[in-house]
Amino acid sequence: MKSRPANAIDVVLQPGDFYFGNSATRIKTLLGSCVSITMWHPKLFIGGMCHYMLPSRPYRTGPLEGKYAEEAFELFIREARRNQTHLSEYQIKLFGAGHMFPDRSANSGLNICKNNIAVAEDFIAKHKLKLTSHDVGSLGHRLIIFDVWNGNVWVRHQALDANKKCL
């Protein structure tokens, strides 16, 4: 297992951010109902993470934005092409979509966490990607740390109630 390079940089993603880097990169984010997907190329030691907030936006104007799942996926596709790789070569990990307000009914209005999970699963299935790990749903937030130099993703889930799921 590769250890942290001396020249490693730490990148902190805010909601809506996207980052793709090389083996001298650690990417971190904090998730509530948002979702992060990590993509890691085990031969080239490159990869990235998104932190999307919503499945899509009704009308796209301007450049791609990482805060929408469909656009974050397009950013991953562009990075794979730019690096002359194929999506199928990457290990995919999926995290987040925690229900943050247990006192509100999960069935009232738009269920963001459920939709955020579904759009990620659809993308993974559509492109026949290899999902190697996932931790989604439940109540609470997650801290995600992705070490691009070795592909490890560390997750700390602060559950509000471990017995309830985001449905």
C-alpha atoms as a PDB file:
ATOM      1  CA  MET A   1       0.000   0.000   0.000  1.00  0.00           C
ATOM      2  CA  LYS A   2       1.376   3.369  -0.999  1.00  0.00           C
ATOM      3  CA  SER A   3       1.840   5.868   1.798  1.00  0.00           C
ATOM      4  CA  ARG A   4       1.236   9.615   1.671  1.00  0.00           C
ATOM      5  CA  PRO A   5       3.697  11.314  -0.688  1.00  0.00           C
ATOM      6  CA  ALA A   6       5.857  14.077   0.782  1.00  0.00           C
ATOM      7  CA  ASN A   7       4.423  16.567  -1.723  1.00  0.00           C
ATOM      8  CA  ALA A   8       0.764  15.616  -1.165  1.00  0.00           C
ATOM      9  CA  ILE A   9      -1.877  18.320  -1.227  1.00  0.00           C
ATOM     10  CA  ASP A  10      -5.185  18.341   0.641  1.00  0.00           C
ATOM     11  CA  VAL A  11      -8.254  19.475  -1.288  1.00  0.00           C
ATOM     12  CA  VAL A  12     -11.463  20.219   0.628  1.00  0.00           C
ATOM     13  CA  LEU A  13     -14.651  20.024  -1.427  1.00  0.00           C
ATOM     14  CA  GLN A  14     -17.548  22.283  -0.578  1.00  0.00           C
ATOM     15  CA  PRO A  15     -21.082  21.416  -1.730  1.00  0.00           C
ATOM     16  CA  GLY A  16     -21.131  21.525  -5.518  1.00  0.00           C
ATOM     17  CA  ASP A  17     -17.365  21.080  -5.944  1.00  0.00           C
ATOM     18  CA  PHE A  18     -15.575  18.594  -8.184  1.00  0.00           C
ATOM     19  CA  TYR A  19     -11.879  17.708  -8.179  1.00  0.00           C
ATOM     20  CA  PHE A  20      -9.758  15.280 -10.178  1.00  0.00           C
ATOM     21  CA  GLY A  21      -6.082  14.845  -9.363  1.00  0.00           C
ATOM     22  CA  ASN A  22      -2.955  12.733  -9.354  1.00  0.00           C
ATOM     23  CA  SER A  23      -1.272  10.488  -6.798  1.00  0.00           C
ATOM     24  CA  ALA A  24      -0.167  13.427  -4.642  1.00  0.00           C
ATOM     25  CA  THR A  25      -3.743  14.297  -3.669  1.00  0.00           C
ATOM     26  CA  ARG A  26      -6.042  13.780  -0.685  1.00  0.00           C
ATOM     27  CA  ILE A  27      -9.645  14.936  -1.184  1.00  0.00           C
ATOM     28  CA  LYS A  28     -11.983  15.575   1.767  1.00  0.00           C
ATOM     29  CA  THR A  29     -15.611  16.578   2.160  1.00  0.00           C
ATOM     30  CA  LEU A  30     -18.467  16.588   4.647  1.00  0.00           C
ATOM     31  CA  LEU A  31     -21.824  15.210   3.451  1.00  0.00           C
ATOM     32  CA  GLY A  32     -25.384  15.443   4.701  1.00  0.00           C
ATOM     33  CA  SER A  33     -28.072  14.733   2.093  1.00  0.00           C
ATOM     34  CA  CYS A  34     -25.488  15.362  -0.644  1.00  0.00           C
ATOM     35  CA  VAL A  35     -23.595  12.553  -2.357  1.00  0.00           C
ATOM     36  CA  SER A  36     -19.947  11.982  -3.181  1.00  0.00           C
ATOM     37  CA  ILE A  37     -18.684   9.589  -5.764  1.00  0.00           C
ATOM     38  CA  THR A  38     -15.006   8.731  -5.937  1.00  0.00           C
ATOM     39  CA  MET A  39     -13.362   7.352  -9.059  1.00  0.00           C
ATOM     40  CA  TRP A  40      -9.877   5.855  -8.819  1.00  0.00           C
ATOM     41  CA  HIS A  41      -7.683   4.390 -11.548  1.00  0.00           C
ATOM     42  CA  PRO A  42      -5.631   1.613  -9.873  1.00  0.00           C
ATOM     43  CA  LYS A  43      -2.893   1.551 -12.535  1.00  0.00           C
ATOM     44  CA  LEU A  44      -2.385   5.276 -13.097  1.00  0.00           C
ATOM     45  CA  PHE A  45      -3.077   6.420  -9.501  1.00  0.00           C
ATOM     46  CA  ILE A  46      -5.366   9.225 -10.618  1.00  0.00           C
ATOM     47  CA  GLY A  47      -8.879   9.937  -9.490  1.00  0.00           C
ATOM     48  CA  GLY A  48     -11.472  12.368  -8.387  1.00  0.00           C
ATOM     49  CA  MET A  49     -14.422  13.123  -6.194  1.00  0.00           C
ATOM     50  CA  CYS A  50     -17.621  15.076  -6.611  1.00  0.00           C
ATOM     51  CA  HIS A  51     -19.934  16.537  -3.980  1.00  0.00           C
ATOM     52  CA  TYR A  52     -23.290  16.965  -5.640  1.00  0.00           C
ATOM     53  CA  MET A  53     -26.370  18.413  -4.007  1.00  0.00           C
ATOM     54  CA  LEU A  54     -29.214  17.657  -6.422  1.00  0.00           C
ATOM     55  CA  PRO A  55     -29.888  15.092  -9.178  1.00  0.00           C
ATOM     56  CA  SER A  56     -30.249  17.646 -11.992  1.00  0.00           C
ATOM     57  CA  ARG A  57     -31.217  21.177 -12.856  1.00  0.00           C
ATOM     58  CA  PRO A  58     -34.202  21.904 -15.053  1.00  0.00           C
ATOM     59  CA  TYR A  59     -32.354  24.151 -17.511  1.00  0.00           C
ATOM     60  CA  ARG A  60     -28.626  24.172 -18.026  1.00  0.00           C
ATOM     61  CA  THR A  61     -27.181  27.555 -18.780  1.00  0.00           C
ATOM     62  CA  GLY A  62     -23.447  28.109 -18.781  1.00  0.00           C
ATOM     63  CA  PRO A  63     -20.696  25.676 -17.792  1.00  0.00           C
ATOM     64  CA  LEU A  64     -21.142  22.347 -16.043  1.00  0.00           C
ATOM     65  CA  GLU A  65     -21.699  22.595 -12.303  1.00  0.00           C
ATOM     66  CA  GLY A  66     -20.676  19.906  -9.856  1.00  0.00           C
ATOM     67  CA  LYS A  67     -23.642  20.616  -7.622  1.00  0.00           C
ATOM     68  CA  TYR A  68     -25.897  18.626  -9.976  1.00  0.00           C
ATOM     69  CA  ALA A  69     -25.331  14.868 -10.267  1.00  0.00           C
ATOM     70  CA  GLU A  70     -25.807  14.661 -14.028  1.00  0.00           C
ATOM     71  CA  GLU A  71     -23.243  17.410 -14.580  1.00  0.00           C
ATOM     72  CA  ALA A  72     -20.775  15.975 -12.047  1.00  0.00           C
ATOM     73  CA  PHE A  73     -20.953  12.674 -13.957  1.00  0.00           C
ATOM     74  CA  GLU A  74     -20.180  14.532 -17.179  1.00  0.00           C
ATOM     75  CA  LEU A  75     -17.143  16.083 -15.477  1.00  0.00           C
ATOM     76  CA  PHE A  76     -15.929  12.567 -14.587  1.00  0.00           C
ATOM     77  CA  ILE A  77     -16.430  11.453 -18.193  1.00  0.00           C
ATOM     78  CA  ARG A  78     -14.427  14.445 -19.434  1.00  0.00           C
ATOM     79  CA  GLU A  79     -11.578  13.727 -17.014  1.00  0.00           C
ATOM     80  CA  ALA A  80     -11.444  10.085 -18.087  1.00  0.00           C
ATOM     81  CA  ARG A  81     -11.211  11.164 -21.738  1.00  0.00           C
ATOM     82  CA  ARG A  82      -8.630  13.851 -20.952  1.00  0.00           C
ATOM     83  CA  ASN A  83      -6.480  11.183 -19.276  1.00  0.00           C
ATOM     84  CA  GLN A  84      -7.040   8.770 -22.194  1.00  0.00           C
ATOM     85  CA  THR A  85      -8.819   6.256 -19.974  1.00  0.00           C
ATOM     86  CA  HIS A  86     -12.260   4.650 -19.925  1.00  0.00           C
ATOM     87  CA  LEU A  87     -14.776   4.834 -17.081  1.00  0.00           C
ATOM     88  CA  SER A  88     -14.737   1.038 -16.859  1.00  0.00           C
ATOM     89  CA  GLU A  89     -11.083   1.155 -15.710  1.00  0.00           C
ATOM     90  CA  TYR A  90     -11.954   3.020 -12.509  1.00  0.00           C
ATOM     91  CA  GLN A  91     -13.029   1.790  -9.103  1.00  0.00           C
ATOM     92  CA  ILE A  92     -16.175   3.609  -8.026  1.00  0.00           C
ATOM     93  CA  LYS A  93     -17.228   4.333  -4.447  1.00  0.00           C
ATOM     94  CA  LEU A  94     -20.480   6.001  -3.396  1.00  0.00           C
ATOM     95  CA  PHE A  95     -21.209   7.862  -0.143  1.00  0.00           C
ATOM     96  CA  GLY A  96     -23.710  10.143   1.531  1.00  0.00           C
ATOM     97  CA  ALA A  97     -27.394  10.925   1.086  1.00  0.00           C
ATOM     98  CA  GLY A  98     -27.998  10.986   4.808  1.00  0.00           C
ATOM     99  CA  HIS A  99     -31.421  12.091   5.981  1.00  0.00           C
ATOM    100  CA  MET A 100     -30.653  15.172   8.069  1.00  0.00           C
ATOM    101  CA  PHE A 101     -34.070  16.042   9.504  1.00  0.00           C
ATOM    102  CA  PRO A 102     -35.588  13.014  11.278  1.00  0.00           C
ATOM    103  CA  ASP A 103     -38.510  15.018  12.650  1.00  0.00           C
ATOM    104  CA  ARG A 104     -39.735  15.716   9.090  1.00  0.00           C
ATOM    105  CA  SER A 105     -41.572  13.012   7.200  1.00  0.00           C
ATOM    106  CA  ALA A 106     -39.374  11.303   4.602  1.00  0.00           C
ATOM    107  CA  ASN A 107     -42.404  11.123   2.291  1.00  0.00           C
ATOM    108  CA  SER A 108     -43.329  14.799   2.347  1.00  0.00           C
ATOM    109  CA  GLY A 109     -42.323  16.722  -0.750  1.00  0.00           C
ATOM    110  CA  LEU A 110     -39.148  15.921  -2.638  1.00  0.00           C
ATOM    111  CA  ASN A 111     -37.017  13.286  -0.942  1.00  0.00           C
ATOM    112  CA  ILE A 112     -33.566  14.622  -1.799  1.00  0.00           C
ATOM    113  CA  CYS A 113     -31.496  11.813  -0.292  1.00  0.00           C
ATOM    114  CA  LYS A 114     -33.478   9.061  -2.027  1.00  0.00           C
ATOM    115  CA  ASN A 115     -33.247  10.853  -5.384  1.00  0.00           C
ATOM    116  CA  ASN A 116     -29.525  11.515  -4.937  1.00  0.00           C
ATOM    117  CA  ILE A 117     -28.893   7.796  -4.365  1.00  0.00           C
ATOM    118  CA  ALA A 118     -31.083   6.747  -7.306  1.00  0.00           C
ATOM    119  CA  VAL A 119     -29.371   9.030  -9.819  1.00  0.00           C
ATOM    120  CA  ALA A 120     -25.932   7.710  -8.771  1.00  0.00           C
ATOM    121  CA  GLU A 121     -27.072   4.093  -9.028  1.00  0.00           C
ATOM    122  CA  ASP A 122     -28.560   4.791 -12.475  1.00  0.00           C
ATOM    123  CA  PHE A 123     -25.281   6.331 -13.694  1.00  0.00           C
ATOM    124  CA  ILE A 124     -23.266   3.377 -12.380  1.00  0.00           C
ATOM    125  CA  ALA A 125     -25.621   0.863 -13.999  1.00  0.00           C
ATOM    126  CA  LYS A 126     -25.881   2.775 -17.295  1.00  0.00           C
ATOM    127  CA  HIS A 127     -22.098   2.831 -17.716  1.00  0.00           C
ATOM    128  CA  LYS A 128     -21.616  -0.687 -16.261  1.00  0.00           C
ATOM    129  CA  LEU A 129     -19.145   0.616 -13.691  1.00  0.00           C
ATOM    130  CA  LYS A 130     -17.510  -1.359 -10.909  1.00  0.00           C
ATOM    131  CA  LEU A 131     -18.929  -0.195  -7.562  1.00  0.00           C
ATOM    132  CA  THR A 132     -16.352  -1.361  -5.014  1.00  0.00           C
ATOM    133  CA  SER A 133     -17.796   0.264  -1.888  1.00  0.00           C
ATOM    134  CA  HIS A 134     -20.761   2.307  -0.730  1.00  0.00           C
ATOM    135  CA  ASP A 135     -22.218   3.803   2.427  1.00  0.00           C
ATOM    136  CA  VAL A 136     -25.451   5.691   1.735  1.00  0.00           C
ATOM    137  CA  GLY A 137     -28.693   6.586   3.437  1.00  0.00           C
ATOM    138  CA  SER A 138     -29.447   6.433   7.160  1.00  0.00           C
ATOM    139  CA  LEU A 139     -29.684   9.474   9.363  1.00  0.00           C
ATOM    140  CA  GLY A 140     -26.741  11.776   9.902  1.00  0.00           C
ATOM    141  CA  HIS A 141     -23.680  13.145   8.168  1.00  0.00           C
ATOM    142  CA  ARG A 142     -20.410  11.679   6.886  1.00  0.00           C
ATOM    143  CA  LEU A 143     -16.818  12.853   6.679  1.00  0.00           C
ATOM    144  CA  ILE A 144     -15.155  11.424   3.537  1.00  0.00           C
ATOM    145  CA  ILE A 145     -11.378  11.326   2.976  1.00  0.00           C
ATOM    146  CA  PHE A 146     -10.059   9.963  -0.336  1.00  0.00           C
ATOM    147  CA  ASP A 147      -6.337   9.239  -0.730  1.00  0.00           C
ATOM    148  CA  VAL A 148      -5.717   9.266  -4.472  1.00  0.00           C
ATOM    149  CA  TRP A 149      -2.197   7.842  -4.010  1.00  0.00           C
ATOM    150  CA  ASN A 150      -3.624   4.430  -2.961  1.00  0.00           C
ATOM    151  CA  GLY A 151      -7.385   4.561  -3.612  1.00  0.00           C
ATOM    152  CA  ASN A 152      -8.388   4.308   0.045  1.00  0.00           C
ATOM    153  CA  VAL A 153     -11.526   6.128   1.115  1.00  0.00           C
ATOM    154  CA  TRP A 154     -12.122   6.722   4.803  1.00  0.00           C
ATOM    155  CA  VAL A 155     -15.660   7.325   6.043  1.00  0.00           C
ATOM    156  CA  ARG A 156     -16.772   8.545   9.445  1.00  0.00           C
ATOM    157  CA  HIS A 157     -20.563   8.402   9.761  1.00  0.00           C
ATOM    158  CA  GLN A 158     -22.106  10.407  12.572  1.00  0.00           C
ATOM    159  CA  ALA A 159     -25.520   8.787  12.786  1.00  0.00           C
ATOM    160  CA  LEU A 160     -28.460  10.583  14.341  1.00  0.00           C
ATOM    161  CA  ASP A 161     -30.312   7.269  14.816  1.00  0.00           C
ATOM    162  CA  ALA A 162     -28.686   4.102  13.447  1.00  0.00           C
ATOM    163  CA  ASN A 163     -32.017   2.251  13.259  1.00  0.00           C
ATOM    164  CA  LYS A 164     -33.674   4.555  10.715  1.00  0.00           C
ATOM    165  CA  LYS A 165     -32.949   4.510   6.993  1.00  0.00           C
ATOM    166  CA  CYS A 166     -33.517   7.091   4.281  1.00  0.00           C
ATOM    167  CA  LEU A 167     -36.367   5.575   2.275  1.00  0.00           C
END
